[in-house]
Amino acid sequence: MKDIEMGAIIIKADKKSNKLLSDLAKKLGGNVINLADEQFEDFAIGSAMDAAKTGETVDRNSILAKLRAQ
């Protein structure tokens, strides 16, 4: 038997469209998780942070100097 690869999508839409899309996803056998705006923003920020990771580190004094300069 082949393994079924599963994924996820996030669609941000108005309330009426969200209801329609949610109902469709459920009819197709998908799981639907509703996110509050704050949860969506947290996810988006985390995703952007992951994409921007460089693997480099910065020493503490350098960060504090930048913060003090502002």
PDB file of N, CA and C in Angstrom:
ATOM      1  N   MET A   1       0.839  -1.177   0.000  1.00  0.00           N
ATOM      2  CA  MET A   1       0.000   0.000   0.000  1.00  0.00           C
ATOM      3  C   MET A   1       0.887   1.243   0.000  1.00  0.00           C
ATOM      4  N   LYS A   2       0.557   2.210  -0.816  1.00  0.00           N
ATOM      5  CA  LYS A   2       1.339   3.442  -0.890  1.00  0.00           C
ATOM      6  C   LYS A   2       1.026   4.347   0.293  1.00  0.00           C
ATOM      7  N   ASP A   3       2.070   5.028   0.770  1.00  0.00           N
ATOM      8  CA  ASP A   3       1.854   6.025   1.811  1.00  0.00           C
ATOM      9  C   ASP A   3       1.188   7.241   1.189  1.00  0.00           C
ATOM     10  N   ILE A   4       0.232   7.774   1.883  1.00  0.00           N
ATOM     11  CA  ILE A   4      -0.443   8.973   1.414  1.00  0.00           C
ATOM     12  C   ILE A   4       0.243  10.173   2.039  1.00  0.00           C
ATOM     13  N   GLU A   5       0.765  11.035   1.183  1.00  0.00           N
ATOM     14  CA  GLU A   5       1.412  12.247   1.673  1.00  0.00           C
ATOM     15  C   GLU A   5       0.349  13.297   1.935  1.00  0.00           C
ATOM     16  N   MET A   6       0.387  13.866   3.124  1.00  0.00           N
ATOM     17  CA  MET A   6      -0.600  14.863   3.478  1.00  0.00           C
ATOM     18  C   MET A   6       0.076  16.207   3.648  1.00  0.00           C
ATOM     19  N   GLY A   7      -0.659  17.246   3.414  1.00  0.00           N
ATOM     20  CA  GLY A   7      -0.153  18.593   3.579  1.00  0.00           C
ATOM     21  C   GLY A   7      -1.238  19.466   4.154  1.00  0.00           C
ATOM     22  N   ALA A   8      -0.983  20.731   4.194  1.00  0.00           N
ATOM     23  CA  ALA A   8      -1.952  21.674   4.751  1.00  0.00           C
ATOM     24  C   ALA A   8      -1.883  22.970   3.958  1.00  0.00           C
ATOM     25  N   ILE A   9      -2.997  23.676   3.938  1.00  0.00           N
ATOM     26  CA  ILE A   9      -3.040  24.996   3.329  1.00  0.00           C
ATOM     27  C   ILE A   9      -3.726  25.943   4.302  1.00  0.00           C
ATOM     28  N   ILE A  10      -3.413  27.209   4.175  1.00  0.00           N
ATOM     29  CA  ILE A  10      -4.095  28.232   4.958  1.00  0.00           C
ATOM     30  C   ILE A  10      -4.706  29.205   3.962  1.00  0.00           C
ATOM     31  N   ILE A  11      -5.990  29.423   4.110  1.00  0.00           N
ATOM     32  CA  ILE A  11      -6.694  30.364   3.247  1.00  0.00           C
ATOM     33  C   ILE A  11      -7.313  31.421   4.142  1.00  0.00           C
ATOM     34  N   LYS A  12      -6.962  32.678   3.908  1.00  0.00           N
ATOM     35  CA  LYS A  12      -7.519  33.779   4.694  1.00  0.00           C
ATOM     36  C   LYS A  12      -8.562  34.468   3.827  1.00  0.00           C
ATOM     37  N   ALA A  13      -9.800  34.443   4.279  1.00  0.00           N
ATOM     38  CA  ALA A  13     -10.899  35.010   3.491  1.00  0.00           C
ATOM     39  C   ALA A  13     -11.947  35.591   4.437  1.00  0.00           C
ATOM     40  N   ASP A  14     -12.970  36.182   3.843  1.00  0.00           N
ATOM     41  CA  ASP A  14     -14.049  36.732   4.669  1.00  0.00           C
ATOM     42  C   ASP A  14     -14.857  35.589   5.294  1.00  0.00           C
ATOM     43  N   LYS A  15     -15.721  35.940   6.247  1.00  0.00           N
ATOM     44  CA  LYS A  15     -16.442  34.944   7.036  1.00  0.00           C
ATOM     45  C   LYS A  15     -17.304  34.022   6.163  1.00  0.00           C
ATOM     46  N   LYS A  16     -17.989  34.583   5.187  1.00  0.00           N
ATOM     47  CA  LYS A  16     -18.867  33.788   4.324  1.00  0.00           C
ATOM     48  C   LYS A  16     -18.054  32.791   3.492  1.00  0.00           C
ATOM     49  N   SER A  17     -16.948  33.267   2.920  1.00  0.00           N
ATOM     50  CA  SER A  17     -16.090  32.388   2.116  1.00  0.00           C
ATOM     51  C   SER A  17     -15.442  31.313   2.980  1.00  0.00           C
ATOM     52  N   ASN A  18     -15.028  31.687   4.192  1.00  0.00           N
ATOM     53  CA  ASN A  18     -14.441  30.707   5.100  1.00  0.00           C
ATOM     54  C   ASN A  18     -15.416  29.576   5.391  1.00  0.00           C
ATOM     55  N   LYS A  19     -16.684  29.908   5.587  1.00  0.00           N
ATOM     56  CA  LYS A  19     -17.717  28.897   5.869  1.00  0.00           C
ATOM     57  C   LYS A  19     -17.853  27.960   4.674  1.00  0.00           C
ATOM     58  N   LEU A  20     -17.935  28.518   3.478  1.00  0.00           N
ATOM     59  CA  LEU A  20     -18.077  27.719   2.268  1.00  0.00           C
ATOM     60  C   LEU A  20     -16.868  26.800   2.063  1.00  0.00           C
ATOM     61  N   LEU A  21     -15.673  27.356   2.211  1.00  0.00           N
ATOM     62  CA  LEU A  21     -14.448  26.572   2.038  1.00  0.00           C
ATOM     63  C   LEU A  21     -14.317  25.494   3.113  1.00  0.00           C
ATOM     64  N   SER A  22     -14.707  25.832   4.334  1.00  0.00           N
ATOM     65  CA  SER A  22     -14.661  24.879   5.434  1.00  0.00           C
ATOM     66  C   SER A  22     -15.603  23.711   5.173  1.00  0.00           C
ATOM     67  N   ASP A  23     -16.819  24.017   4.745  1.00  0.00           N
ATOM     68  CA  ASP A  23     -17.791  22.958   4.437  1.00  0.00           C
ATOM     69  C   ASP A  23     -17.284  22.060   3.317  1.00  0.00           C
ATOM     70  N   LEU A  24     -16.700  22.651   2.280  1.00  0.00           N
ATOM     71  CA  LEU A  24     -16.167  21.877   1.165  1.00  0.00           C
ATOM     72  C   LEU A  24     -15.036  20.961   1.626  1.00  0.00           C
ATOM     73  N   ALA A  25     -14.122  21.517   2.413  1.00  0.00           N
ATOM     74  CA  ALA A  25     -12.999  20.714   2.904  1.00  0.00           C
ATOM     75  C   ALA A  25     -13.495  19.526   3.725  1.00  0.00           C
ATOM     76  N   LYS A  26     -14.497  19.755   4.564  1.00  0.00           N
ATOM     77  CA  LYS A  26     -15.055  18.668   5.373  1.00  0.00           C
ATOM     78  C   LYS A  26     -15.693  17.601   4.494  1.00  0.00           C
ATOM     79  N   LYS A  27     -16.428  18.021   3.446  1.00  0.00           N
ATOM     80  CA  LYS A  27     -17.056  17.063   2.529  1.00  0.00           C
ATOM     81  C   LYS A  27     -16.020  16.244   1.781  1.00  0.00           C
ATOM     82  N   LEU A  28     -14.857  16.831   1.541  1.00  0.00           N
ATOM     83  CA  LEU A  28     -13.780  16.124   0.848  1.00  0.00           C
ATOM     84  C   LEU A  28     -12.949  15.262   1.799  1.00  0.00           C
ATOM     85  N   GLY A  29     -13.310  15.262   3.086  1.00  0.00           N
ATOM     86  CA  GLY A  29     -12.616  14.421   4.067  1.00  0.00           C
ATOM     87  C   GLY A  29     -11.467  15.105   4.771  1.00  0.00           C
ATOM     88  N   GLY A  30     -11.365  16.405   4.629  1.00  0.00           N
ATOM     89  CA  GLY A  30     -10.279  17.128   5.279  1.00  0.00           C
ATOM     90  C   GLY A  30     -10.641  17.534   6.697  1.00  0.00           C
ATOM     91  N   ASN A  31      -9.625  17.821   7.467  1.00  0.00           N
ATOM     92  CA  ASN A  31      -9.822  18.363   8.809  1.00  0.00           C
ATOM     93  C   ASN A  31      -9.719  19.872   8.723  1.00  0.00           C
ATOM     94  N   VAL A  32     -10.592  20.567   9.415  1.00  0.00           N
ATOM     95  CA  VAL A  32     -10.609  22.022   9.380  1.00  0.00           C
ATOM     96  C   VAL A  32     -10.309  22.551  10.769  1.00  0.00           C
ATOM     97  N   ILE A  33      -9.363  23.466  10.842  1.00  0.00           N
ATOM     98  CA  ILE A  33      -9.013  24.118  12.101  1.00  0.00           C
ATOM     99  C   ILE A  33      -9.198  25.614  11.890  1.00  0.00           C
ATOM    100  N   ASN A  34     -10.030  26.218  12.700  1.00  0.00           N
ATOM    101  CA  ASN A  34     -10.250  27.660  12.611  1.00  0.00           C
ATOM    102  C   ASN A  34      -9.205  28.379  13.450  1.00  0.00           C
ATOM    103  N   LEU A  35      -8.613  29.416  12.883  1.00  0.00           N
ATOM    104  CA  LEU A  35      -7.612  30.206  13.580  1.00  0.00           C
ATOM    105  C   LEU A  35      -8.141  31.614  13.812  1.00  0.00           C
ATOM    106  N   ALA A  36      -7.890  32.138  14.986  1.00  0.00           N
ATOM    107  CA  ALA A  36      -8.181  33.545  15.257  1.00  0.00           C
ATOM    108  C   ALA A  36      -7.138  34.380  14.510  1.00  0.00           C
ATOM    109  N   ASP A  37      -7.437  35.649  14.275  1.00  0.00           N
ATOM    110  CA  ASP A  37      -6.492  36.518  13.571  1.00  0.00           C
ATOM    111  C   ASP A  37      -5.122  36.527  14.242  1.00  0.00           C
ATOM    112  N   GLU A  38      -5.111  36.535  15.578  1.00  0.00           N
ATOM    113  CA  GLU A  38      -3.836  36.555  16.305  1.00  0.00           C
ATOM    114  C   GLU A  38      -3.041  35.280  16.050  1.00  0.00           C
ATOM    115  N   GLN A  39      -3.723  34.143  15.987  1.00  0.00           N
ATOM    116  CA  GLN A  39      -3.045  32.878  15.721  1.00  0.00           C
ATOM    117  C   GLN A  39      -2.476  32.865  14.307  1.00  0.00           C
ATOM    118  N   PHE A  40      -3.234  33.401  13.350  1.00  0.00           N
ATOM    119  CA  PHE A  40      -2.759  33.480  11.970  1.00  0.00           C
ATOM    120  C   PHE A  40      -1.524  34.362  11.892  1.00  0.00           C
ATOM    121  N   GLU A  41      -1.555  35.511  12.585  1.00  0.00           N
ATOM    122  CA  GLU A  41      -0.411  36.418  12.580  1.00  0.00           C
ATOM    123  C   GLU A  41       0.812  35.753  13.198  1.00  0.00           C
ATOM    124  N   ASP A  42       0.615  35.015  14.293  1.00  0.00           N
ATOM    125  CA  ASP A  42       1.729  34.298  14.918  1.00  0.00           C
ATOM    126  C   ASP A  42       2.340  33.302  13.942  1.00  0.00           C
ATOM    127  N   PHE A  43       1.484  32.562  13.234  1.00  0.00           N
ATOM    128  CA  PHE A  43       1.971  31.595  12.254  1.00  0.00           C
ATOM    129  C   PHE A  43       2.746  32.292  11.147  1.00  0.00           C
ATOM    130  N   ALA A  44       2.205  33.402  10.634  1.00  0.00           N
ATOM    131  CA  ALA A  44       2.853  34.126   9.545  1.00  0.00           C
ATOM    132  C   ALA A  44       4.214  34.670   9.977  1.00  0.00           C
ATOM    133  N   ILE A  45       4.289  35.213  11.187  1.00  0.00           N
ATOM    134  CA  ILE A  45       5.565  35.732  11.691  1.00  0.00           C
ATOM    135  C   ILE A  45       6.573  34.598  11.855  1.00  0.00           C
ATOM    136  N   GLY A  46       6.130  33.485  12.415  1.00  0.00           N
ATOM    137  CA  GLY A  46       7.017  32.328  12.581  1.00  0.00           C
ATOM    138  C   GLY A  46       7.521  31.807  11.244  1.00  0.00           C
ATOM    139  N   SER A  47       6.648  31.769  10.257  1.00  0.00           N
ATOM    140  CA  SER A  47       7.034  31.320   8.923  1.00  0.00           C
ATOM    141  C   SER A  47       8.060  32.266   8.304  1.00  0.00           C
ATOM    142  N   ALA A  48       7.840  33.563   8.459  1.00  0.00           N
ATOM    143  CA  ALA A  48       8.792  34.550   7.939  1.00  0.00           C
ATOM    144  C   ALA A  48      10.137  34.430   8.647  1.00  0.00           C
ATOM    145  N   MET A  49      10.111  34.185   9.950  1.00  0.00           N
ATOM    146  CA  MET A  49      11.353  34.029  10.704  1.00  0.00           C
ATOM    147  C   MET A  49      12.117  32.794  10.231  1.00  0.00           C
ATOM    148  N   ASP A  50      11.399  31.689   9.992  1.00  0.00           N
ATOM    149  CA  ASP A  50      12.056  30.480   9.487  1.00  0.00           C
ATOM    150  C   ASP A  50      12.696  30.726   8.132  1.00  0.00           C
ATOM    151  N   ALA A  51      12.009  31.463   7.274  1.00  0.00           N
ATOM    152  CA  ALA A  51      12.533  31.742   5.941  1.00  0.00           C
ATOM    153  C   ALA A  51      13.762  32.645   5.991  1.00  0.00           C
ATOM    154  N   ALA A  52      13.841  33.494   7.010  1.00  0.00           N
ATOM    155  CA  ALA A  52      14.944  34.462   7.102  1.00  0.00           C
ATOM    156  C   ALA A  52      16.137  33.930   7.891  1.00  0.00           C
ATOM    157  N   LYS A  53      16.050  32.742   8.442  1.00  0.00           N
ATOM    158  CA  LYS A  53      17.150  32.197   9.239  1.00  0.00           C
ATOM    159  C   LYS A  53      18.422  32.102   8.411  1.00  0.00           C
ATOM    160  N   THR A  54      19.506  32.561   9.000  1.00  0.00           N
ATOM    161  CA  THR A  54      20.797  32.519   8.309  1.00  0.00           C
ATOM    162  C   THR A  54      21.748  31.509   8.943  1.00  0.00           C
ATOM    163  N   GLY A  55      21.451  31.124  10.177  1.00  0.00           N
ATOM    164  CA  GLY A  55      22.351  30.226  10.889  1.00  0.00           C
ATOM    165  C   GLY A  55      23.496  30.961  11.552  1.00  0.00           C
ATOM    166  N   GLU A  56      23.573  32.268  11.350  1.00  0.00           N
ATOM    167  CA  GLU A  56      24.634  33.063  11.947  1.00  0.00           C
ATOM    168  C   GLU A  56      24.197  33.539  13.321  1.00  0.00           C
ATOM    169  N   THR A  57      25.150  33.813  14.169  1.00  0.00           N
ATOM    170  CA  THR A  57      24.844  34.335  15.493  1.00  0.00           C
ATOM    171  C   THR A  57      25.446  35.730  15.646  1.00  0.00           C
ATOM    172  N   VAL A  58      24.864  36.477  16.551  1.00  0.00           N
ATOM    173  CA  VAL A  58      25.337  37.833  16.836  1.00  0.00           C
ATOM    174  C   VAL A  58      25.582  37.914  18.334  1.00  0.00           C
ATOM    175  N   ASP A  59      26.695  38.532  18.706  1.00  0.00           N
ATOM    176  CA  ASP A  59      26.996  38.602  20.133  1.00  0.00           C
ATOM    177  C   ASP A  59      26.064  39.587  20.844  1.00  0.00           C
ATOM    178  N   ARG A  60      25.868  39.357  22.108  1.00  0.00           N
ATOM    179  CA  ARG A  60      24.933  40.122  22.937  1.00  0.00           C
ATOM    180  C   ARG A  60      25.250  41.618  22.946  1.00  0.00           C
ATOM    181  N   ASN A  61      26.513  41.956  23.079  1.00  0.00           N
ATOM    182  CA  ASN A  61      26.904  43.374  23.146  1.00  0.00           C
ATOM    183  C   ASN A  61      26.555  44.123  21.872  1.00  0.00           C
ATOM    184  N   SER A  62      26.667  43.462  20.740  1.00  0.00           N
ATOM    185  CA  SER A  62      26.307  44.096  19.471  1.00  0.00           C
ATOM    186  C   SER A  62      24.816  44.425  19.417  1.00  0.00           C
ATOM    187  N   ILE A  63      24.011  43.521  19.887  1.00  0.00           N
ATOM    188  CA  ILE A  63      22.546  43.757  19.920  1.00  0.00           C
ATOM    189  C   ILE A  63      22.219  44.886  20.876  1.00  0.00           C
ATOM    190  N   LEU A  64      22.795  44.863  22.057  1.00  0.00           N
ATOM    191  CA  LEU A  64      22.510  45.913  23.048  1.00  0.00           C
ATOM    192  C   LEU A  64      22.963  47.280  22.546  1.00  0.00           C
ATOM    193  N   ALA A  65      24.076  47.349  21.863  1.00  0.00           N
ATOM    194  CA  ALA A  65      24.554  48.618  21.316  1.00  0.00           C
ATOM    195  C   ALA A  65      23.571  49.160  20.288  1.00  0.00           C
ATOM    196  N   LYS A  66      23.027  48.313  19.435  1.00  0.00           N
ATOM    197  CA  LYS A  66      22.035  48.737  18.441  1.00  0.00           C
ATOM    198  C   LYS A  66      20.760  49.246  19.121  1.00  0.00           C
ATOM    199  N   LEU A  67      20.328  48.546  20.164  1.00  0.00           N
ATOM    200  CA  LEU A  67      19.118  48.956  20.881  1.00  0.00           C
ATOM    201  C   LEU A  67      19.310  50.299  21.594  1.00  0.00           C
ATOM    202  N   ARG A  68      20.474  50.494  22.157  1.00  0.00           N
ATOM    203  CA  ARG A  68      20.753  51.753  22.852  1.00  0.00           C
ATOM    204  C   ARG A  68      20.833  52.933  21.885  1.00  0.00           C
ATOM    205  N   ALA A  69      21.266  52.696  20.664  1.00  0.00           N
ATOM    206  CA  ALA A  69      21.430  53.749  19.674  1.00  0.00           C
ATOM    207  C   ALA A  69      20.092  54.299  19.186  1.00  0.00           C
ATOM    208  N   GLN A  70      19.029  53.584  19.431  1.00  0.00           N
ATOM    209  CA  GLN A  70      17.714  54.041  18.934  1.00  0.00           C
ATOM    210  C   GLN A  70      17.016  54.918  19.863  1.00  0.00           C
TER     211      GLN A  70
END
